[in-house]
Amino acid sequence: MVYAFFYGIQAQEAVRIENKTFNFGATLGLKSGFPVINSLTLDGVEAENIHIQYKVGYLASIFCRINIDQFFFQPSLGWHHTTGEIRFTLPNETDAIPAVGYSKLDLQLRSLEVPVLLGYKFIKEDPYGLSWMVGPKLKYNYKNDYSFDISNSRNRFTTSSNPVDISIVTGIAASIGRLFIDFSYKFGLNRKESDFTNIYASEKTITDISIYKRMNVMSFSLGLLF
């Protein structure tokens, strides 16, 4: 009897939530960046044998939702932290870059992201829901840090070149009452990063870097809808 009573209250709350014209919510989650490096050049030397190790980052966002029958329109604002590791070899030797074994590049990206999604609710049977979303995402990279380990020499760089980019994101979300989980994938566009500033350097210093890449991102988050 008690279980049935509380289940009935939860179902009624879900009905009220789903029937609202306007909702808002918040999410917390994990993400993994999948950088695709088209080219990496250090002091005029192009890297070879590029291998990428994906690492877990994290995200937090707030959003609002406008519901129109089975469809909804959902803009949001999120904070994202992405990390990764790129290993490579350099075929030619220079004063700053000895061509010995593998070198390593660690990247840490912090960004503000604004996706604007159009969604469709496949299942709307209270208190359960299942929906699909797709739309563009505007991203502002406010901090890009790259650390290079090259033959016992460490260099740390930052860049503000091309801080804004646009991508396409799609995802699926499942909900029970106010609680929902979502899985999304972002398809990045090719972009070039240059104009690096060396903020830390050991004895051997790299002076010129150019990276041509795109960043795909897979994310998983848990959220509440109000």
Protein backbone atom coordinates (compact mmCIF):
# COMPACT_ATOMS: atom_id res chain seq x y z
CA MET A 1 0.00 0.00 0.00
CA VAL A 2 2.78 2.45 0.95
CA TYR A 3 4.74 1.59 -2.21
CA ALA A 4 1.65 2.08 -4.37
CA PHE A 5 0.96 5.42 -2.71
CA PHE A 6 4.45 6.82 -3.34
CA TYR A 7 4.56 5.36 -6.86
CA GLY A 8 1.28 7.13 -7.58
CA ILE A 9 2.71 10.44 -6.34
CA GLN A 10 5.82 9.99 -8.51
CA ALA A 11 3.68 9.22 -11.55
CA GLN A 12 1.56 12.33 -10.96
CA GLU A 13 4.70 14.47 -10.69
CA ALA A 14 6.01 12.95 -13.93
CA VAL A 15 2.74 13.79 -15.67
CA ARG A 16 2.99 17.40 -14.52
CA ILE A 17 6.63 17.62 -15.67
CA GLU A 18 5.98 16.13 -19.11
CA ASN A 19 2.90 18.28 -19.69
CA LYS A 20 4.68 21.53 -18.91
CA THR A 21 5.32 23.87 -21.81
CA PHE A 22 8.58 24.96 -20.22
CA ASN A 23 11.13 22.94 -18.19
CA PHE A 24 14.62 23.58 -16.91
CA GLY A 25 17.25 21.22 -15.60
CA ALA A 26 20.89 20.49 -14.79
CA THR A 27 23.37 17.69 -15.57
CA LEU A 28 26.71 16.35 -14.35
CA GLY A 29 28.69 13.87 -16.36
CA LEU A 30 31.84 12.32 -17.79
CA LYS A 31 33.29 12.67 -21.26
CA SER A 32 36.10 11.35 -23.41
CA GLY A 33 37.66 13.30 -26.25
CA PHE A 34 38.66 11.55 -29.46
CA PRO A 35 41.10 13.93 -31.20
CA VAL A 36 41.89 13.21 -34.83
CA ILE A 37 45.31 14.68 -35.63
CA ASN A 38 45.69 15.45 -39.33
CA SER A 39 49.15 16.95 -38.85
CA LEU A 40 51.46 17.99 -36.02
CA THR A 41 54.51 20.13 -36.76
CA LEU A 42 57.19 21.25 -34.29
CA ASP A 43 59.88 23.68 -35.46
CA GLY A 44 59.17 22.73 -39.06
CA VAL A 45 59.44 18.98 -38.36
CA GLU A 46 56.27 16.98 -39.05
CA ALA A 47 55.49 14.25 -36.53
CA GLU A 48 55.03 10.63 -37.57
CA ASN A 49 53.57 7.45 -36.02
CA ILE A 50 50.91 9.38 -34.10
CA HIS A 51 49.09 7.34 -31.42
CA ILE A 52 46.32 8.77 -29.24
CA GLN A 53 45.33 7.72 -25.72
CA TYR A 54 41.86 8.82 -24.67
CA LYS A 55 41.28 10.06 -21.11
CA VAL A 56 38.17 10.82 -19.10
CA GLY A 57 37.11 14.43 -18.52
CA TYR A 58 34.02 15.91 -16.94
CA LEU A 59 31.19 18.36 -17.59
CA ALA A 60 28.39 20.30 -15.93
CA SER A 61 25.50 22.09 -17.62
CA ILE A 62 22.19 23.84 -17.15
CA PHE A 63 19.43 23.96 -19.76
CA CYS A 64 15.89 24.98 -20.53
CA ARG A 65 13.35 23.07 -22.61
CA ILE A 66 10.33 24.21 -24.60
CA ASN A 67 7.87 21.36 -25.24
CA ILE A 68 5.56 21.18 -28.26
CA ASP A 69 3.67 17.86 -28.25
CA GLN A 70 6.26 15.13 -28.96
CA PHE A 71 8.95 17.65 -29.92
CA PHE A 72 11.08 19.92 -27.75
CA PHE A 73 13.61 22.70 -28.25
CA GLN A 74 16.52 22.69 -25.77
CA PRO A 75 19.31 25.30 -25.52
CA SER A 76 21.88 24.82 -22.76
CA LEU A 77 25.12 26.18 -21.32
CA GLY A 78 27.85 23.80 -20.21
CA TRP A 79 31.35 23.82 -18.74
CA HIS A 80 33.67 21.12 -20.09
CA HIS A 81 37.12 19.83 -19.22
CA THR A 82 38.79 17.54 -21.78
CA THR A 83 42.11 15.70 -21.48
CA GLY A 84 44.13 13.44 -23.75
CA GLU A 85 47.59 12.17 -24.60
CA ILE A 86 49.27 12.01 -28.01
CA ARG A 87 52.47 10.04 -28.66
CA PHE A 88 54.54 10.54 -31.80
CA THR A 89 57.99 10.30 -33.31
CA LEU A 90 60.01 12.97 -35.08
CA PRO A 91 62.08 11.82 -38.08
CA ASN A 92 64.62 14.65 -38.15
CA GLU A 93 66.88 15.93 -35.43
CA THR A 94 67.16 19.64 -34.56
CA ASP A 95 68.87 21.53 -31.73
CA ALA A 96 65.62 21.61 -29.75
CA ILE A 97 64.18 18.26 -30.83
CA PRO A 98 66.35 15.13 -30.71
CA ALA A 99 64.89 12.33 -32.84
CA VAL A 100 65.06 9.69 -30.09
CA GLY A 101 62.13 7.35 -29.45
CA TYR A 102 58.58 8.47 -28.78
CA SER A 103 57.66 11.97 -27.63
CA LYS A 104 54.48 12.81 -25.73
CA LEU A 105 51.97 15.64 -25.87
CA ASP A 106 49.45 16.06 -23.04
CA LEU A 107 46.48 18.29 -23.75
CA GLN A 108 44.00 19.90 -21.36
CA LEU A 109 41.13 21.87 -22.82
CA ARG A 110 38.61 23.93 -20.86
CA SER A 111 35.61 25.32 -22.67
CA LEU A 112 32.14 26.82 -22.46
CA GLU A 113 29.70 25.11 -24.81
CA VAL A 114 26.23 26.11 -26.02
CA PRO A 115 24.34 23.33 -27.82
CA VAL A 116 20.94 24.16 -29.32
CA LEU A 117 19.08 20.88 -29.76
CA LEU A 118 15.85 19.76 -31.35
CA GLY A 119 14.43 16.64 -29.73
CA TYR A 120 11.69 14.10 -30.35
CA LYS A 121 10.07 11.95 -27.64
CA PHE A 122 9.71 8.39 -28.89
CA ILE A 123 8.27 7.21 -25.57
CA LYS A 124 6.11 9.40 -23.37
CA GLU A 125 4.46 6.86 -21.07
CA ASP A 126 4.47 8.28 -17.54
CA PRO A 127 6.69 8.10 -15.63
CA TYR A 128 9.03 6.84 -18.39
CA GLY A 129 10.43 8.65 -21.39
CA LEU A 130 12.86 8.09 -24.26
CA SER A 131 13.96 10.85 -26.63
CA TRP A 132 16.45 11.60 -29.39
CA MET A 133 18.19 14.96 -29.88
CA VAL A 134 20.30 16.61 -32.57
CA GLY A 135 21.61 20.09 -33.28
CA PRO A 136 24.59 22.46 -33.57
CA LYS A 137 26.95 23.29 -30.73
CA LEU A 138 28.93 26.50 -30.30
CA LYS A 139 32.14 26.05 -28.30
CA TYR A 140 34.45 28.66 -26.80
CA ASN A 141 37.87 27.32 -25.73
CA TYR A 142 38.97 29.69 -22.99
CA LYS A 143 42.03 27.69 -21.94
CA ASN A 144 44.16 25.34 -24.08
CA ASP A 145 47.23 23.85 -22.39
CA TYR A 146 49.71 21.58 -24.17
CA SER A 147 52.63 19.94 -22.40
CA PHE A 148 55.41 18.29 -24.40
CA ASP A 149 57.83 15.69 -23.06
CA ILE A 150 60.63 15.34 -25.58
CA SER A 151 63.78 13.39 -24.66
CA ASN A 152 63.94 14.60 -21.03
CA SER A 153 62.95 18.10 -22.09
CA ARG A 154 59.57 19.51 -20.98
CA ASN A 155 57.77 22.43 -22.60
CA ARG A 156 54.36 23.87 -21.74
CA PHE A 157 52.39 25.96 -24.21
CA THR A 158 49.07 27.73 -24.41
CA THR A 159 47.22 29.17 -27.38
CA SER A 160 44.21 31.38 -28.01
CA SER A 161 44.12 30.90 -31.79
CA ASN A 162 40.73 29.88 -33.18
CA PRO A 163 39.03 29.82 -29.75
CA VAL A 164 35.53 29.40 -31.23
CA ASP A 165 34.32 26.43 -33.24
CA ILE A 166 31.02 24.85 -34.29
CA SER A 167 30.18 21.16 -34.22
CA ILE A 168 27.20 18.82 -34.55
CA VAL A 169 25.96 16.83 -31.58
CA THR A 170 23.41 14.02 -31.37
CA GLY A 171 22.25 11.97 -28.43
CA ILE A 172 19.61 9.87 -26.73
CA ALA A 173 18.06 10.34 -23.27
CA ALA A 174 16.03 8.04 -21.02
CA SER A 175 14.03 9.34 -18.06
CA ILE A 176 12.12 8.08 -15.04
CA GLY A 177 10.17 10.91 -13.49
CA ARG A 178 12.48 13.84 -12.87
CA LEU A 179 15.65 11.76 -13.22
CA PHE A 180 17.24 11.15 -16.63
CA ILE A 181 20.44 9.86 -18.16
CA ASP A 182 21.74 10.81 -21.58
CA PHE A 183 24.42 9.69 -23.98
CA SER A 184 25.68 12.03 -26.69
CA TYR A 185 28.35 12.19 -29.38
CA LYS A 186 29.83 15.36 -30.83
CA PHE A 187 31.29 15.46 -34.35
CA GLY A 188 33.97 18.13 -34.55
CA LEU A 189 35.15 20.04 -37.60
CA ASN A 190 38.74 20.37 -38.79
CA ARG A 191 40.58 23.34 -37.31
CA LYS A 192 44.14 24.62 -37.08
CA GLU A 193 45.86 25.77 -33.89
CA SER A 194 49.00 27.87 -34.00
CA ASP A 195 50.38 31.05 -32.39
CA PHE A 196 51.44 29.14 -29.27
CA THR A 197 53.01 30.91 -26.29
CA ASN A 198 55.65 29.06 -24.30
CA ILE A 199 54.77 29.51 -20.61
CA TYR A 200 57.37 27.06 -19.33
CA ALA A 201 60.49 25.68 -20.98
CA SER A 202 63.47 23.67 -19.86
CA GLU A 203 66.89 24.04 -21.49
CA LYS A 204 65.82 22.86 -24.95
CA THR A 205 62.99 25.01 -26.26
CA ILE A 206 60.46 24.55 -29.05
CA THR A 207 59.64 27.84 -30.75
CA ASP A 208 57.06 26.99 -33.41
CA ILE A 209 54.07 24.61 -33.23
CA SER A 210 51.19 23.93 -35.61
CA ILE A 211 48.39 21.41 -35.00
CA TYR A 212 45.68 20.60 -37.53
CA LYS A 213 43.01 18.48 -35.87
CA ARG A 214 39.38 17.86 -35.09
CA MET A 215 37.90 16.75 -31.81
CA ASN A 216 35.10 14.20 -31.50
CA VAL A 217 33.66 13.76 -28.01
CA MET A 218 31.55 11.07 -26.37
CA SER A 219 29.76 12.01 -23.14
CA PHE A 220 27.50 10.44 -20.54
CA SER A 221 25.59 12.48 -17.95
CA LEU A 222 23.00 12.24 -15.18
CA GLY A 223 20.47 15.02 -14.70
CA LEU A 224 17.28 16.33 -13.11
CA LEU A 225 14.33 17.93 -14.89
CA PHE A 226 12.07 20.47 -13.17
